[in-house]
Protein backbone atom coordinates (compact mmCIF):
# COMPACT_ATOMS: atom_id res chain seq x y z
CA MET A 1 -25.35 -54.58 34.75
CA ARG A 2 -27.79 -52.25 36.78
CA THR A 3 -26.19 -49.08 38.19
CA GLU A 4 -27.06 -50.01 41.68
CA ALA A 5 -25.33 -53.42 41.18
CA ARG A 6 -22.19 -51.86 39.99
CA GLU A 7 -22.08 -49.44 42.67
CA ALA A 8 -22.59 -52.28 45.30
CA LEU A 9 -19.62 -54.46 44.07
CA ALA A 10 -17.55 -51.09 43.84
CA ARG A 11 -18.09 -50.92 47.73
CA LEU A 12 -16.25 -54.14 47.98
CA ALA A 13 -13.35 -52.48 47.17
CA ALA A 14 -13.94 -49.59 49.64
CA GLU A 15 -13.82 -51.87 52.57
CA ARG A 16 -11.19 -51.35 54.92
CA VAL A 17 -8.31 -54.09 55.48
CA ASP A 18 -8.07 -55.36 59.22
CA HIS A 19 -7.86 -58.00 61.56
CA ARG A 20 -11.01 -59.56 59.99
CA PHE A 21 -9.21 -61.04 57.10
CA LYS A 22 -6.71 -63.74 57.80
CA GLY A 23 -3.51 -64.22 55.43
CA LEU A 24 -3.40 -60.48 54.56
CA PRO A 25 -0.36 -58.40 55.00
CA PRO A 26 -0.23 -56.80 58.60
CA ASP A 27 1.17 -53.54 57.20
CA ALA A 28 -2.12 -53.44 54.70
CA ASP A 29 -4.25 -52.70 57.81
CA GLY A 30 -6.46 -49.33 57.11
CA LEU A 31 -5.91 -49.60 53.23
CA THR A 32 -8.79 -50.26 51.40
CA VAL A 33 -9.31 -53.57 49.61
CA GLY A 34 -8.96 -51.39 46.14
CA GLU A 35 -5.79 -49.86 47.42
CA LEU A 36 -4.21 -53.41 48.48
CA ALA A 37 -5.16 -54.68 45.03
CA ALA A 38 -3.73 -51.72 43.19
CA GLN A 39 -0.38 -52.37 44.96
CA ARG A 40 -0.36 -56.05 43.00
CA ARG A 41 1.86 -57.38 45.90
CA ASN A 42 3.21 -60.73 45.40
CA LEU A 43 1.69 -63.82 47.59
CA PHE A 44 5.10 -64.88 48.63
CA THR A 45 7.30 -61.69 48.91
CA GLY A 46 4.53 -59.09 49.71
CA GLY A 47 3.89 -59.45 53.53
CA PHE A 48 0.93 -62.14 53.41
CA THR A 49 1.17 -64.43 56.39
CA THR A 50 0.50 -68.14 56.37
CA PRO A 51 -1.99 -69.88 56.20
CA VAL A 52 -3.38 -67.86 53.09
CA LEU A 53 -5.72 -69.32 50.69
CA ALA A 54 -5.11 -68.27 47.17
CA LEU A 55 -7.45 -68.59 43.94
CA SER A 56 -5.48 -68.92 40.81
CA ALA A 57 -6.90 -66.13 38.48
CA GLU A 58 -6.08 -68.12 35.11
CA ARG A 59 -7.37 -71.23 36.27
CA LEU A 60 -10.98 -69.34 37.40
CA GLU A 61 -11.05 -67.58 34.19
CA HIS A 62 -10.39 -70.97 32.25
CA ASN A 63 -13.42 -72.76 34.33
CA LEU A 64 -15.75 -69.83 33.92
CA ALA A 65 -15.34 -69.84 29.98
CA LEU A 66 -15.32 -73.95 29.69
CA MET A 67 -18.59 -73.92 31.57
CA GLU A 68 -20.05 -70.92 29.51
CA THR A 69 -18.90 -73.08 26.44
CA TYR A 70 -20.42 -76.53 27.49
CA ALA A 71 -23.80 -74.85 28.30
CA THR A 72 -24.17 -73.39 24.96
CA ARG A 73 -23.06 -76.15 22.80
CA HIS A 74 -25.60 -78.44 24.56
CA GLY A 75 -28.63 -75.88 24.62
CA LEU A 76 -28.66 -75.67 28.31
CA ALA A 77 -29.63 -72.40 30.25
CA PHE A 78 -26.99 -72.16 33.08
CA ALA A 79 -27.71 -70.76 36.63
CA PRO A 80 -24.70 -71.98 38.73
CA HIS A 81 -24.97 -72.63 42.30
CA GLY A 82 -24.27 -69.90 44.40
CA LYS A 83 -24.08 -71.45 47.59
CA THR A 84 -20.39 -72.71 46.39
CA SER A 85 -18.66 -69.47 46.85
CA MET A 86 -21.22 -66.98 48.13
CA ALA A 87 -19.13 -64.65 46.50
CA PRO A 88 -20.95 -61.60 44.44
CA GLN A 89 -17.93 -60.91 42.52
CA LEU A 90 -17.93 -64.19 41.05
CA PHE A 91 -21.76 -64.21 40.59
CA GLN A 92 -21.18 -61.13 38.35
CA ARG A 93 -18.40 -63.28 36.33
CA GLN A 94 -20.69 -66.21 36.01
CA LEU A 95 -23.55 -63.88 35.16
CA ASP A 96 -21.20 -61.89 32.42
CA ARG A 97 -20.23 -65.60 31.00
CA GLY A 98 -23.86 -66.25 29.99
CA ALA A 99 -25.62 -67.44 33.33
CA VAL A 100 -29.16 -66.30 33.15
CA GLY A 101 -29.37 -66.46 36.72
CA ILE A 102 -27.84 -67.85 40.11
CA THR A 103 -29.17 -70.81 41.79
CA LEU A 104 -29.40 -70.31 45.85
CA ALA A 105 -30.05 -72.72 48.92
CA VAL A 106 -31.73 -70.57 51.60
CA PRO A 107 -33.19 -67.35 51.69
CA HIS A 108 -30.38 -65.63 53.62
CA GLN A 109 -28.29 -66.18 50.52
CA VAL A 110 -31.06 -64.60 48.12
CA ARG A 111 -30.56 -61.47 50.12
CA VAL A 112 -26.95 -61.51 49.68
CA ALA A 113 -27.30 -61.91 45.95
CA ARG A 114 -30.15 -59.14 45.63
CA ALA A 115 -27.83 -56.73 47.85
CA TYR A 116 -25.39 -57.27 44.73
CA GLY A 117 -27.94 -56.76 41.69
CA VAL A 118 -28.61 -60.57 40.80
CA GLN A 119 -32.10 -60.22 39.04
CA ARG A 120 -32.68 -63.86 38.53
CA VAL A 121 -32.86 -66.61 41.19
CA PHE A 122 -33.36 -70.31 41.47
CA LEU A 123 -34.16 -71.15 44.98
CA ALA A 124 -33.34 -74.80 45.31
CA ASN A 125 -35.19 -75.43 48.43
CA GLU A 126 -38.98 -75.45 49.84
CA VAL A 127 -39.29 -72.17 51.70
CA VAL A 128 -41.77 -72.24 54.98
CA ASP A 129 -40.74 -69.77 56.98
CA PRO A 130 -43.13 -66.88 57.07
CA ALA A 131 -40.88 -64.00 57.71
CA ALA A 132 -38.48 -65.14 54.91
CA LEU A 133 -41.42 -65.83 52.37
CA ARG A 134 -42.74 -62.04 53.22
CA TRP A 135 -39.41 -60.60 52.20
CA LEU A 136 -39.09 -62.63 49.20
CA SER A 137 -42.69 -61.41 48.35
CA ALA A 138 -41.66 -57.82 48.78
CA GLU A 139 -38.72 -58.06 46.87
CA LEU A 140 -40.90 -59.46 43.90
CA ASP A 141 -43.49 -56.75 44.66
CA ALA A 142 -40.86 -53.96 44.53
CA ASP A 143 -39.02 -55.01 41.35
CA ASP A 144 -41.02 -56.05 38.26
CA ASP A 145 -37.75 -57.40 36.53
CA PHE A 146 -36.78 -59.67 39.55
CA ARG A 147 -37.44 -63.16 38.93
CA LEU A 148 -37.63 -65.76 41.54
CA THR A 149 -38.42 -69.61 41.25
CA CYS A 150 -38.42 -72.10 44.30
CA TYR A 151 -39.07 -75.46 45.32
CA VAL A 152 -42.04 -77.09 46.45
CA ASP A 153 -42.25 -80.67 47.62
CA SER A 154 -45.28 -81.10 49.82
CA VAL A 155 -48.96 -80.25 50.34
CA ARG A 156 -48.32 -78.86 53.73
CA GLY A 157 -45.59 -76.87 52.51
CA VAL A 158 -47.76 -75.21 49.75
CA GLU A 159 -50.12 -74.41 52.21
CA LEU A 160 -47.66 -72.68 54.77
CA MET A 161 -46.25 -70.75 51.63
CA ASP A 162 -49.65 -69.52 50.60
CA ALA A 163 -50.78 -68.44 54.19
CA ALA A 164 -47.78 -66.44 54.49
CA LEU A 165 -47.93 -65.05 51.08
CA ARG A 166 -51.65 -63.87 51.11
CA GLY A 167 -51.72 -59.87 50.03
CA ALA A 168 -48.74 -60.34 47.63
CA ARG A 169 -49.07 -58.45 44.29
CA ARG A 170 -46.84 -61.01 42.41
CA PRO A 171 -47.39 -64.96 42.78
CA LEU A 172 -44.30 -66.75 43.70
CA ASP A 173 -43.20 -69.01 40.81
CA VAL A 174 -42.44 -72.76 41.79
CA VAL A 175 -41.17 -75.97 40.65
CA VAL A 176 -42.07 -79.52 41.82
CA GLU A 177 -39.13 -81.14 43.22
CA LEU A 178 -38.71 -84.77 42.29
CA ALA A 179 -36.95 -87.10 44.91
CA ALA A 180 -34.13 -89.02 43.34
CA GLY A 181 -35.20 -92.24 44.68
CA ALA A 182 -35.71 -93.88 48.00
CA GLY A 183 -33.44 -92.42 50.86
CA ALA A 184 -33.10 -89.33 48.81
CA ARG A 185 -32.69 -85.97 50.74
CA THR A 186 -35.83 -84.04 49.74
CA GLY A 187 -38.47 -83.96 47.01
CA VAL A 188 -42.08 -85.85 46.15
CA ARG A 189 -41.58 -89.70 45.89
CA THR A 190 -44.33 -90.61 43.94
CA GLU A 191 -46.23 -89.78 40.91
CA ALA A 192 -49.58 -89.53 42.88
CA GLU A 193 -47.94 -87.05 45.45
CA CYS A 194 -46.49 -85.07 42.49
CA ALA A 195 -49.95 -84.41 41.34
CA ALA A 196 -51.23 -83.90 44.73
CA VAL A 197 -48.60 -81.07 45.09
CA ALA A 198 -49.50 -79.47 41.60
CA ASP A 199 -52.97 -79.50 42.59
CA ALA A 200 -52.12 -77.68 45.96
CA VAL A 201 -50.43 -74.90 43.81
CA ALA A 202 -53.11 -74.54 41.40
CA ALA A 203 -55.40 -74.13 44.36
CA ALA A 204 -53.01 -71.52 46.00
CA PRO A 205 -53.54 -67.92 44.43
CA THR A 206 -50.18 -66.69 45.74
CA LEU A 207 -48.22 -69.49 44.00
CA ARG A 208 -47.67 -70.44 40.07
CA LEU A 209 -46.50 -73.71 38.57
CA VAL A 210 -43.93 -73.36 36.26
CA GLY A 211 -41.94 -76.76 35.96
CA VAL A 212 -40.10 -79.17 37.71
CA ALA A 213 -36.63 -80.02 39.17
CA GLY A 214 -34.47 -82.15 41.18
CA TYR A 215 -30.85 -83.04 42.12
CA GLU A 216 -29.51 -86.30 40.34
CA GLY A 217 -26.50 -86.76 42.67
CA GLU A 218 -28.97 -88.12 45.11
CA VAL A 219 -29.69 -90.98 43.16
CA PRO A 220 -28.69 -94.19 44.98
CA ARG A 221 -25.76 -95.75 43.93
CA ALA A 222 -25.70 -93.39 41.32
CA ASP A 223 -24.05 -94.68 37.91
CA PRO A 224 -24.72 -93.17 34.31
CA GLU A 225 -27.66 -95.74 33.75
CA ARG A 226 -29.33 -94.89 36.73
CA VAL A 227 -28.90 -91.30 36.79
CA ARG A 228 -30.29 -91.30 33.25
CA ALA A 229 -33.49 -93.04 34.37
CA TRP A 230 -34.32 -90.75 36.98
CA LEU A 231 -33.52 -88.02 34.59
CA ARG A 232 -36.15 -89.46 32.36
CA GLN A 233 -38.54 -89.62 35.05
CA LEU A 234 -38.22 -85.64 35.62
CA VAL A 235 -38.59 -85.11 32.01
CA ALA A 236 -41.76 -87.53 32.01
CA LEU A 237 -43.08 -85.46 34.87
CA ALA A 238 -42.93 -82.26 33.12
CA VAL A 239 -44.51 -83.97 29.99
CA ASP A 240 -47.35 -85.10 32.11
CA PHE A 241 -47.84 -81.79 33.61
CA ASP A 242 -48.01 -80.21 30.22
CA LYS A 243 -50.49 -82.65 29.05
CA ALA A 244 -52.85 -82.24 32.29
CA GLY A 245 -52.98 -78.52 31.36
CA ARG A 246 -50.96 -77.29 34.36
CA PHE A 247 -49.36 -74.55 32.95
CA ALA A 248 -51.99 -73.53 30.55
CA GLY A 249 -53.85 -70.10 31.62
CA THR A 250 -51.51 -68.92 34.24
CA GLY A 251 -49.27 -66.66 32.39
CA VAL A 252 -46.11 -68.94 32.37
CA ASP A 253 -44.09 -67.88 29.37
CA GLU A 254 -41.72 -71.16 29.62
CA VAL A 255 -41.66 -74.57 31.34
CA VAL A 256 -38.58 -75.14 33.75
CA VAL A 257 -36.98 -78.22 33.82
CA SER A 258 -33.93 -78.34 36.04
CA ALA A 259 -30.99 -80.58 37.19
CA GLY A 260 -27.35 -80.82 37.42
CA GLY A 261 -25.04 -80.74 40.32
CA SER A 262 -21.47 -80.78 39.36
CA ALA A 263 -21.01 -84.73 38.96
CA TRP A 264 -23.36 -85.75 36.27
CA PHE A 265 -24.07 -82.74 34.00
CA ASP A 266 -23.18 -84.74 31.02
CA ALA A 267 -25.95 -86.93 31.42
CA VAL A 268 -28.18 -84.25 32.10
CA ALA A 269 -27.14 -82.53 28.79
CA ASP A 270 -27.83 -86.12 27.25
CA VAL A 271 -31.39 -86.47 28.67
CA PHE A 272 -32.43 -82.94 28.47
CA ALA A 273 -31.70 -83.04 24.58
CA GLU A 274 -34.34 -85.66 24.35
CA ILE A 275 -36.92 -83.31 25.79
CA PRO A 276 -39.97 -83.45 23.27
CA GLU A 277 -41.68 -80.13 22.26
CA LEU A 278 -44.20 -78.90 24.85
CA SER A 279 -47.23 -76.43 24.70
CA LEU A 280 -44.60 -73.68 25.84
CA PRO A 281 -40.85 -73.25 25.13
CA VAL A 282 -38.57 -75.38 27.52
CA LEU A 283 -35.95 -73.66 29.84
CA LYS A 284 -33.31 -76.50 30.40
CA LEU A 285 -31.64 -75.22 33.44
CA LEU A 286 -28.20 -76.73 34.82
CA ARG A 287 -27.14 -75.58 38.22
CA SER A 288 -23.75 -76.84 38.68
CA GLY A 289 -21.75 -74.52 41.11
CA ALA A 290 -18.31 -76.46 42.05
CA TYR A 291 -17.09 -75.51 38.81
CA VAL A 292 -16.19 -72.28 39.56
CA SER A 293 -12.89 -73.50 41.47
CA HIS A 294 -13.18 -77.00 40.87
CA ASP A 295 -10.91 -79.21 43.20
CA ASP A 296 -7.89 -81.41 43.72
CA GLY A 297 -10.16 -84.12 45.27
CA HIS A 298 -13.87 -85.01 45.11
CA TYR A 299 -14.57 -83.07 41.74
CA ARG A 300 -11.44 -83.90 40.16
CA LYS A 301 -12.29 -87.60 40.37
CA LEU A 302 -16.01 -87.26 39.42
CA THR A 303 -16.32 -84.50 36.91
CA PRO A 304 -18.09 -85.32 33.84
CA PHE A 305 -15.18 -84.19 31.59
CA ASN A 306 -13.42 -87.15 32.93
CA ARG A 307 -16.02 -89.09 30.96
CA VAL A 308 -16.13 -86.59 28.02
CA PRO A 309 -12.53 -85.08 27.81
CA GLU A 310 -13.08 -84.19 23.96
CA GLU A 311 -15.34 -81.47 25.84
CA GLY A 312 -12.44 -80.00 27.68
CA ALA A 313 -11.21 -80.23 31.47
CA LEU A 314 -11.77 -78.00 34.67
CA GLU A 315 -8.82 -77.00 36.56
CA PRO A 316 -8.22 -76.78 40.26
CA ALA A 317 -8.07 -73.19 41.07
CA PHE A 318 -7.40 -73.50 45.08
CA ARG A 319 -4.19 -73.52 46.84
CA LEU A 320 -3.61 -73.17 50.59
CA TRP A 321 -0.35 -72.09 51.59
CA THR A 322 0.96 -73.01 55.01
CA GLN A 323 4.12 -73.02 56.71
CA VAL A 324 6.09 -75.97 58.44
CA VAL A 325 6.32 -74.94 62.10
CA SER A 326 7.44 -78.31 63.71
CA ARG A 327 9.85 -81.22 62.23
CA PRO A 328 9.71 -83.17 65.14
CA SER A 329 10.81 -86.39 63.52
CA PRO A 330 12.45 -87.71 60.25
CA ASP A 331 8.79 -89.09 59.23
CA GLN A 332 6.60 -86.19 60.47
CA ALA A 333 5.92 -82.71 59.97
CA PHE A 334 3.29 -79.84 61.10
CA VAL A 335 2.14 -77.10 59.37
CA ASN A 336 0.05 -74.06 60.65
CA ALA A 337 -3.21 -75.03 58.87
CA GLY A 338 -5.96 -77.12 60.01
CA LYS A 339 -9.87 -77.63 60.16
CA ARG A 340 -10.38 -73.61 60.74
CA ASP A 341 -8.55 -73.14 57.24
CA ALA A 342 -8.90 -76.06 54.99
CA ALA A 343 -12.10 -78.33 53.70
CA TYR A 344 -11.89 -81.69 55.28
CA ASP A 345 -15.51 -83.09 55.02
CA LEU A 346 -14.96 -85.11 51.62
CA ASP A 347 -11.03 -85.62 51.49
CA LEU A 348 -7.90 -84.35 53.66
CA PRO A 349 -5.93 -81.63 51.75
CA PHE A 350 -3.14 -82.83 49.28
CA ALA A 351 0.50 -81.68 49.71
CA GLN A 352 1.60 -80.36 46.29
CA ALA A 353 4.41 -77.94 46.22
CA VAL A 354 7.38 -76.71 48.69
CA ARG A 355 8.63 -73.38 48.43
CA ARG A 356 12.04 -72.62 50.10
CA ASP A 357 14.18 -69.61 49.07
CA GLY A 358 11.82 -68.40 46.16
CA THR A 359 12.25 -71.71 44.54
CA GLU A 360 9.22 -73.88 44.17
CA ARG A 361 8.92 -77.91 43.72
CA PRO A 362 6.70 -80.58 43.90
CA ALA A 363 5.77 -82.11 47.47
CA THR A 364 7.77 -85.40 46.91
CA GLY A 365 7.07 -87.57 49.59
CA VAL A 366 4.78 -85.54 51.67
CA SER A 367 1.42 -86.43 52.61
CA VAL A 368 -1.37 -84.99 54.93
CA THR A 369 -2.65 -87.57 57.20
CA ALA A 370 -4.94 -85.83 59.74
CA LEU A 371 -5.98 -82.34 60.56
CA SER A 372 -6.30 -80.55 63.99
CA ASP A 373 -7.94 -77.00 64.50
CA GLN A 374 -4.97 -75.36 63.35
CA HIS A 375 -2.43 -77.88 62.19
CA ALA A 376 -2.23 -80.20 59.29
CA TRP A 377 -0.13 -83.50 60.45
CA LEU A 378 2.21 -84.23 57.58
CA ARG A 379 3.91 -87.83 56.93
CA THR A 380 7.43 -87.63 55.09
CA THR A 381 9.45 -90.06 53.45
CA ASP A 382 13.11 -90.16 53.03
CA GLU A 383 12.46 -88.38 49.60
CA ALA A 384 10.85 -85.43 51.32
CA ASP A 385 13.28 -82.50 51.75
CA LEU A 386 11.46 -80.37 54.33
CA GLN A 387 12.65 -77.63 57.02
CA VAL A 388 10.80 -75.79 59.51
CA GLY A 389 10.02 -72.43 57.66
CA ASP A 390 9.10 -74.17 54.46
CA TRP A 391 5.95 -73.09 52.64
CA VAL A 392 3.77 -76.20 51.65
CA GLY A 393 0.91 -75.51 49.34
CA LEU A 394 -2.01 -77.78 49.80
CA GLY A 395 -4.53 -78.68 47.35
CA LEU A 396 -8.45 -79.12 48.55
CA SER A 397 -11.25 -81.04 48.02
CA HIS A 398 -14.81 -79.54 47.91
CA PRO A 399 -15.11 -76.20 46.99
CA CYS A 400 -18.30 -75.49 48.87
CA THR A 401 -16.50 -76.16 52.59
CA SER A 402 -13.55 -74.26 51.25
CA PHE A 403 -15.09 -70.80 50.23
CA ASP A 404 -16.69 -70.47 53.74
CA LYS A 405 -13.66 -70.31 55.69
CA TRP A 406 -12.31 -67.24 54.09
CA PRO A 407 -13.90 -64.11 53.81
CA LEU A 408 -11.49 -62.27 51.69
CA ILE A 409 -9.62 -64.40 49.27
CA PRO A 410 -6.62 -63.21 47.27
CA LEU A 411 -6.76 -63.74 43.33
CA ALA A 412 -3.37 -64.64 42.26
CA GLU A 413 -1.81 -64.83 38.82
CA ALA A 414 0.83 -67.83 38.15
CA ASP A 415 3.61 -65.69 39.30
CA GLY A 416 2.28 -64.95 42.64
CA THR A 417 1.05 -61.25 41.68
CA VAL A 418 -2.46 -60.63 43.66
CA VAL A 419 -4.46 -58.68 41.32
CA ASP A 420 -7.71 -58.66 43.20
CA TYR A 421 -9.68 -60.04 46.45
CA ILE A 422 -12.72 -62.10 46.43
CA ARG A 423 -14.99 -61.24 49.16
CA THR A 424 -17.52 -64.32 50.59
CA PHE A 425 -20.70 -63.95 52.55
CA PHE A 426 -21.42 -67.08 54.75
């Protein structure tokens, strides 16, 4: 890690705790984050207020280690998608665990990553904003060790990028994005259009074609057969570009072939293992991001580790602790966390645990039926022993809309000891 990056991360610990950070102990106001972490307060007895989102220290470390092992075993380079957490501390832990860089979605996210020393960024989007392109170009020109690759998916986009980047010292590396089929989100739809975009890049002195990329999660009616078929199309596009000499004479030292969300990376590993030898080494780049915290809903159901259990298993690392504030009837209760606190775009939260008087037990007979802005609606059966004042721990679905609601997240060990705080930037 560069000295500047180490210093930037250290400054996170120097930030003062105050009203900006929900859930933290009110009596910690004025302490630095580092000072509060050094106190090793307990999440349940140390003055934290509900609702409070906690990240499991043990499960986070397990997930980081598992994906490092998986990528290494399958010969994949790994640039996890940073949009999931937007947490520079986690970026650094991912890099320490073998990631070659960080994937991001928009220029603002690149600014965050650069502020904390990330030296290789894969920008999984076409950028046509002139101000953003000029900033990206200035970063490249100022730091020869900084490497940035981004998408192109249209001739018009290439023209706009070229116009904004005139005068740059270093060309911007780009990959042609292949759409995952009719109705997919972004990307080039046909072979002829791919060739036209590649031709436009070749004609633009400010850009350099380095490979191909796409997102298999957009394959219509995705199943293993359809996903693998599309991934083979992506590989074939790279092979065709190489045979046509599109990478020759540009100074490119490797061909990038990239795919891999969090639902089909087993298919990516299988198909990328079949990539034939090209005229240059191939960087087989996986971009999965949700693994870092995993979840109790969407990705727990979809994770490839369900199909390949011999490879291991990710563990959900988030728990949102709430408190029962109303028990209006035997079959209903309300806790004090809602849409402002919990992800709800893919699944409602899941009631998992109840704490009372220092004792924790499963949330038997308790389910979440709806969310308001600041309340979760709970349905309770005769088995539910639930009282006003009880703490209820909720599992969450979709990490990407969990991290963004919490600017400072306690990192807690299994016994509740908070050992650090994860700062997010959305």
